[in-house]
């Protein structure tokens, strides 16, 4: 994550205001990056739970896709 913060900072260096603290700007980038990753992980976990819970699959309307994936995995 450290490298990602610096990559974002370098890519958006033109948006940095020199009258403000560089430390606070980098901290804000790091916080937003962490939040984005947390949200992505949360969505991924929900999809994994949905995949392994047939009741949730049927409610979502995507159960056919998941059933097809399961059948493909069983035949491998």
N, C-alpha and C. Protein backbone atom coordinates (compact mmCIF):
# COMPACT_ATOMS: atom_id res chain seq x y z
N UNK A 1 0.83 -1.18 0.00
CA UNK A 1 0.00 0.00 0.00
C UNK A 1 0.88 1.26 0.00
N UNK A 2 2.01 1.17 0.64
CA UNK A 2 2.93 2.31 0.69
C UNK A 2 3.30 2.77 -0.72
N UNK A 3 3.62 1.81 -1.57
CA UNK A 3 3.99 2.16 -2.94
C UNK A 3 2.82 2.77 -3.71
N UNK A 4 1.64 2.24 -3.48
CA UNK A 4 0.45 2.76 -4.16
C UNK A 4 0.18 4.22 -3.77
N UNK A 5 0.42 4.54 -2.51
CA UNK A 5 0.22 5.92 -2.06
C UNK A 5 1.18 6.84 -2.80
N UNK A 6 2.43 6.45 -2.91
CA UNK A 6 3.41 7.30 -3.60
C UNK A 6 3.14 7.39 -5.09
N UNK A 7 2.66 6.30 -5.68
CA UNK A 7 2.32 6.34 -7.11
C UNK A 7 1.18 7.32 -7.35
N UNK A 8 0.17 7.25 -6.49
CA UNK A 8 -0.94 8.20 -6.63
C UNK A 8 -0.49 9.64 -6.39
N UNK A 9 0.39 9.82 -5.41
CA UNK A 9 0.88 11.17 -5.13
C UNK A 9 1.65 11.73 -6.32
N UNK A 10 2.48 10.91 -6.92
CA UNK A 10 3.26 11.37 -8.08
C UNK A 10 2.34 11.66 -9.26
N UNK A 11 1.36 10.78 -9.48
CA UNK A 11 0.44 10.98 -10.60
C UNK A 11 -0.44 12.22 -10.44
N UNK A 12 -0.69 12.62 -9.21
CA UNK A 12 -1.57 13.76 -8.95
C UNK A 12 -0.82 14.92 -8.29
N UNK A 13 0.46 14.99 -8.54
CA UNK A 13 1.28 16.03 -7.93
C UNK A 13 0.78 17.43 -8.28
N UNK A 14 0.21 17.59 -9.45
CA UNK A 14 -0.27 18.91 -9.87
C UNK A 14 -1.46 19.39 -9.02
N UNK A 15 -2.13 18.49 -8.33
CA UNK A 15 -3.26 18.90 -7.48
C UNK A 15 -2.82 19.24 -6.05
N UNK A 16 -1.54 19.05 -5.75
CA UNK A 16 -1.04 19.38 -4.41
C UNK A 16 -0.91 20.89 -4.26
N UNK A 17 -1.41 21.39 -3.13
CA UNK A 17 -1.33 22.81 -2.82
C UNK A 17 -0.13 23.02 -1.90
N UNK A 18 0.87 23.74 -2.38
CA UNK A 18 2.12 23.93 -1.63
C UNK A 18 1.91 24.71 -0.33
N UNK A 19 0.79 25.38 -0.20
CA UNK A 19 0.51 26.14 1.04
C UNK A 19 0.02 25.22 2.15
N UNK A 20 -0.25 23.98 1.84
CA UNK A 20 -0.74 23.03 2.84
C UNK A 20 0.32 21.99 3.15
N UNK A 21 0.07 21.23 4.18
CA UNK A 21 1.02 20.23 4.64
C UNK A 21 1.09 19.03 3.70
N UNK A 22 2.29 18.66 3.30
CA UNK A 22 2.49 17.49 2.45
C UNK A 22 2.10 16.22 3.21
N UNK A 23 2.41 16.19 4.49
CA UNK A 23 2.09 15.03 5.32
C UNK A 23 0.58 14.77 5.35
N UNK A 24 -0.19 15.82 5.53
CA UNK A 24 -1.65 15.66 5.56
C UNK A 24 -2.19 15.22 4.20
N UNK A 25 -1.62 15.73 3.13
CA UNK A 25 -2.05 15.35 1.78
C UNK A 25 -1.79 13.86 1.53
N UNK A 26 -0.60 13.40 1.92
CA UNK A 26 -0.26 11.98 1.76
C UNK A 26 -1.13 11.10 2.65
N UNK A 27 -1.40 11.58 3.86
CA UNK A 27 -2.27 10.83 4.77
C UNK A 27 -3.68 10.69 4.19
N UNK A 28 -4.17 11.74 3.57
CA UNK A 28 -5.49 11.69 2.94
C UNK A 28 -5.51 10.68 1.79
N UNK A 29 -4.46 10.68 1.00
CA UNK A 29 -4.37 9.70 -0.09
C UNK A 29 -4.36 8.28 0.47
N UNK A 30 -3.57 8.06 1.52
CA UNK A 30 -3.50 6.73 2.13
C UNK A 30 -4.84 6.31 2.72
N UNK A 31 -5.53 7.23 3.36
CA UNK A 31 -6.84 6.92 3.95
C UNK A 31 -7.85 6.55 2.87
N UNK A 32 -7.89 7.32 1.80
CA UNK A 32 -8.83 7.03 0.71
C UNK A 32 -8.49 5.71 0.02
N UNK A 33 -7.21 5.43 -0.14
CA UNK A 33 -6.80 4.16 -0.74
C UNK A 33 -7.22 2.99 0.13
N UNK A 34 -7.03 3.12 1.44
CA UNK A 34 -7.45 2.07 2.36
C UNK A 34 -8.96 1.85 2.29
N UNK A 35 -9.72 2.93 2.28
CA UNK A 35 -11.18 2.81 2.21
C UNK A 35 -11.62 2.11 0.92
N UNK A 36 -10.98 2.46 -0.19
CA UNK A 36 -11.31 1.82 -1.47
C UNK A 36 -11.03 0.32 -1.41
N UNK A 37 -9.89 -0.04 -0.86
CA UNK A 37 -9.55 -1.46 -0.76
C UNK A 37 -10.49 -2.20 0.19
N UNK A 38 -10.87 -1.55 1.28
CA UNK A 38 -11.80 -2.15 2.23
C UNK A 38 -13.15 -2.41 1.57
N UNK A 39 -13.65 -1.43 0.82
CA UNK A 39 -14.93 -1.60 0.13
C UNK A 39 -14.85 -2.74 -0.89
N UNK A 40 -13.75 -2.80 -1.62
CA UNK A 40 -13.58 -3.86 -2.61
C UNK A 40 -13.55 -5.23 -1.94
N UNK A 41 -12.84 -5.35 -0.83
CA UNK A 41 -12.76 -6.62 -0.10
C UNK A 41 -14.13 -7.00 0.45
N UNK A 42 -14.87 -6.02 0.91
CA UNK A 42 -16.20 -6.27 1.45
C UNK A 42 -17.15 -6.79 0.36
N UNK A 43 -17.08 -6.19 -0.83
CA UNK A 43 -17.90 -6.67 -1.95
C UNK A 43 -17.49 -8.09 -2.33
N UNK A 44 -16.19 -8.34 -2.38
CA UNK A 44 -15.69 -9.66 -2.75
C UNK A 44 -16.16 -10.71 -1.75
N UNK A 45 -16.10 -10.40 -0.45
CA UNK A 45 -16.55 -11.33 0.57
C UNK A 45 -18.04 -11.62 0.42
N UNK A 46 -18.82 -10.60 0.10
CA UNK A 46 -20.25 -10.81 -0.12
C UNK A 46 -20.51 -11.73 -1.29
N UNK A 47 -19.72 -11.60 -2.35
CA UNK A 47 -19.89 -12.48 -3.51
C UNK A 47 -19.49 -13.90 -3.19
N UNK A 48 -18.45 -14.09 -2.39
CA UNK A 48 -18.04 -15.43 -2.00
C UNK A 48 -19.11 -16.08 -1.14
N UNK A 49 -19.64 -15.34 -0.19
CA UNK A 49 -20.72 -15.87 0.65
C UNK A 49 -21.93 -16.25 -0.19
N UNK A 50 -22.25 -15.40 -1.16
CA UNK A 50 -23.39 -15.66 -2.03
C UNK A 50 -23.16 -16.91 -2.87
N UNK A 51 -21.95 -17.12 -3.30
CA UNK A 51 -21.63 -18.28 -4.13
C UNK A 51 -21.86 -19.58 -3.38
N UNK A 52 -21.51 -19.60 -2.09
CA UNK A 52 -21.60 -20.82 -1.32
C UNK A 52 -22.92 -20.97 -0.56
N UNK A 53 -23.83 -20.02 -0.70
CA UNK A 53 -25.12 -20.09 -0.03
C UNK A 53 -26.22 -20.13 -1.09
N UNK A 54 -26.79 -21.33 -1.36
CA UNK A 54 -27.81 -21.46 -2.41
C UNK A 54 -29.03 -20.57 -2.20
N UNK A 55 -29.41 -20.32 -0.95
CA UNK A 55 -30.57 -19.48 -0.67
C UNK A 55 -30.34 -18.05 -1.18
N UNK A 56 -29.15 -17.51 -0.97
CA UNK A 56 -28.83 -16.17 -1.45
C UNK A 56 -28.73 -16.13 -2.97
N UNK A 57 -28.28 -17.22 -3.56
CA UNK A 57 -28.16 -17.28 -5.01
C UNK A 57 -29.53 -17.14 -5.67
N UNK A 58 -30.51 -17.84 -5.14
CA UNK A 58 -31.84 -17.81 -5.74
C UNK A 58 -32.48 -16.44 -5.58
N UNK A 59 -32.23 -15.79 -4.48
CA UNK A 59 -32.80 -14.46 -4.26
C UNK A 59 -32.21 -13.43 -5.20
N UNK A 60 -30.95 -13.60 -5.55
CA UNK A 60 -30.29 -12.59 -6.37
C UNK A 60 -30.64 -12.71 -7.85
N UNK A 61 -31.15 -13.85 -8.27
CA UNK A 61 -31.48 -14.02 -9.67
C UNK A 61 -30.28 -14.45 -10.50
N UNK A 62 -29.14 -14.61 -9.88
CA UNK A 62 -27.93 -15.02 -10.58
C UNK A 62 -27.59 -16.48 -10.31
N UNK A 63 -28.49 -17.21 -9.75
CA UNK A 63 -28.19 -18.58 -9.32
C UNK A 63 -27.80 -19.48 -10.48
N UNK A 64 -28.30 -19.24 -11.68
CA UNK A 64 -27.94 -20.08 -12.82
C UNK A 64 -26.46 -19.94 -13.16
N UNK A 65 -25.96 -18.74 -13.09
CA UNK A 65 -24.53 -18.52 -13.36
C UNK A 65 -23.70 -19.27 -12.32
N UNK A 66 -24.08 -19.15 -11.05
CA UNK A 66 -23.33 -19.81 -10.00
C UNK A 66 -23.44 -21.33 -10.11
N UNK A 67 -24.62 -21.81 -10.46
CA UNK A 67 -24.79 -23.26 -10.63
C UNK A 67 -23.90 -23.75 -11.76
N UNK A 68 -23.81 -23.00 -12.84
CA UNK A 68 -22.95 -23.37 -13.95
C UNK A 68 -21.49 -23.41 -13.54
N UNK A 69 -21.09 -22.43 -12.75
CA UNK A 69 -19.71 -22.42 -12.27
C UNK A 69 -19.43 -23.62 -11.37
N UNK A 70 -20.38 -23.94 -10.52
CA UNK A 70 -20.19 -25.11 -9.65
C UNK A 70 -20.06 -26.38 -10.45
N UNK A 71 -20.90 -26.51 -11.46
CA UNK A 71 -20.85 -27.72 -12.28
C UNK A 71 -19.50 -27.81 -13.00
N UNK A 72 -19.00 -26.68 -13.48
CA UNK A 72 -17.70 -26.68 -14.14
C UNK A 72 -16.58 -27.05 -13.19
N UNK A 73 -16.67 -26.57 -11.95
CA UNK A 73 -15.65 -26.88 -10.96
C UNK A 73 -15.70 -28.36 -10.57
N UNK A 74 -16.90 -28.94 -10.51
CA UNK A 74 -17.02 -30.35 -10.13
C UNK A 74 -16.48 -31.27 -11.19
N UNK A 75 -16.58 -30.87 -12.45
CA UNK A 75 -16.11 -31.73 -13.53
C UNK A 75 -14.61 -31.65 -13.73
N UNK A 76 -13.97 -30.66 -13.14
CA UNK A 76 -12.49 -30.52 -13.31
C UNK A 76 -11.73 -31.53 -12.48
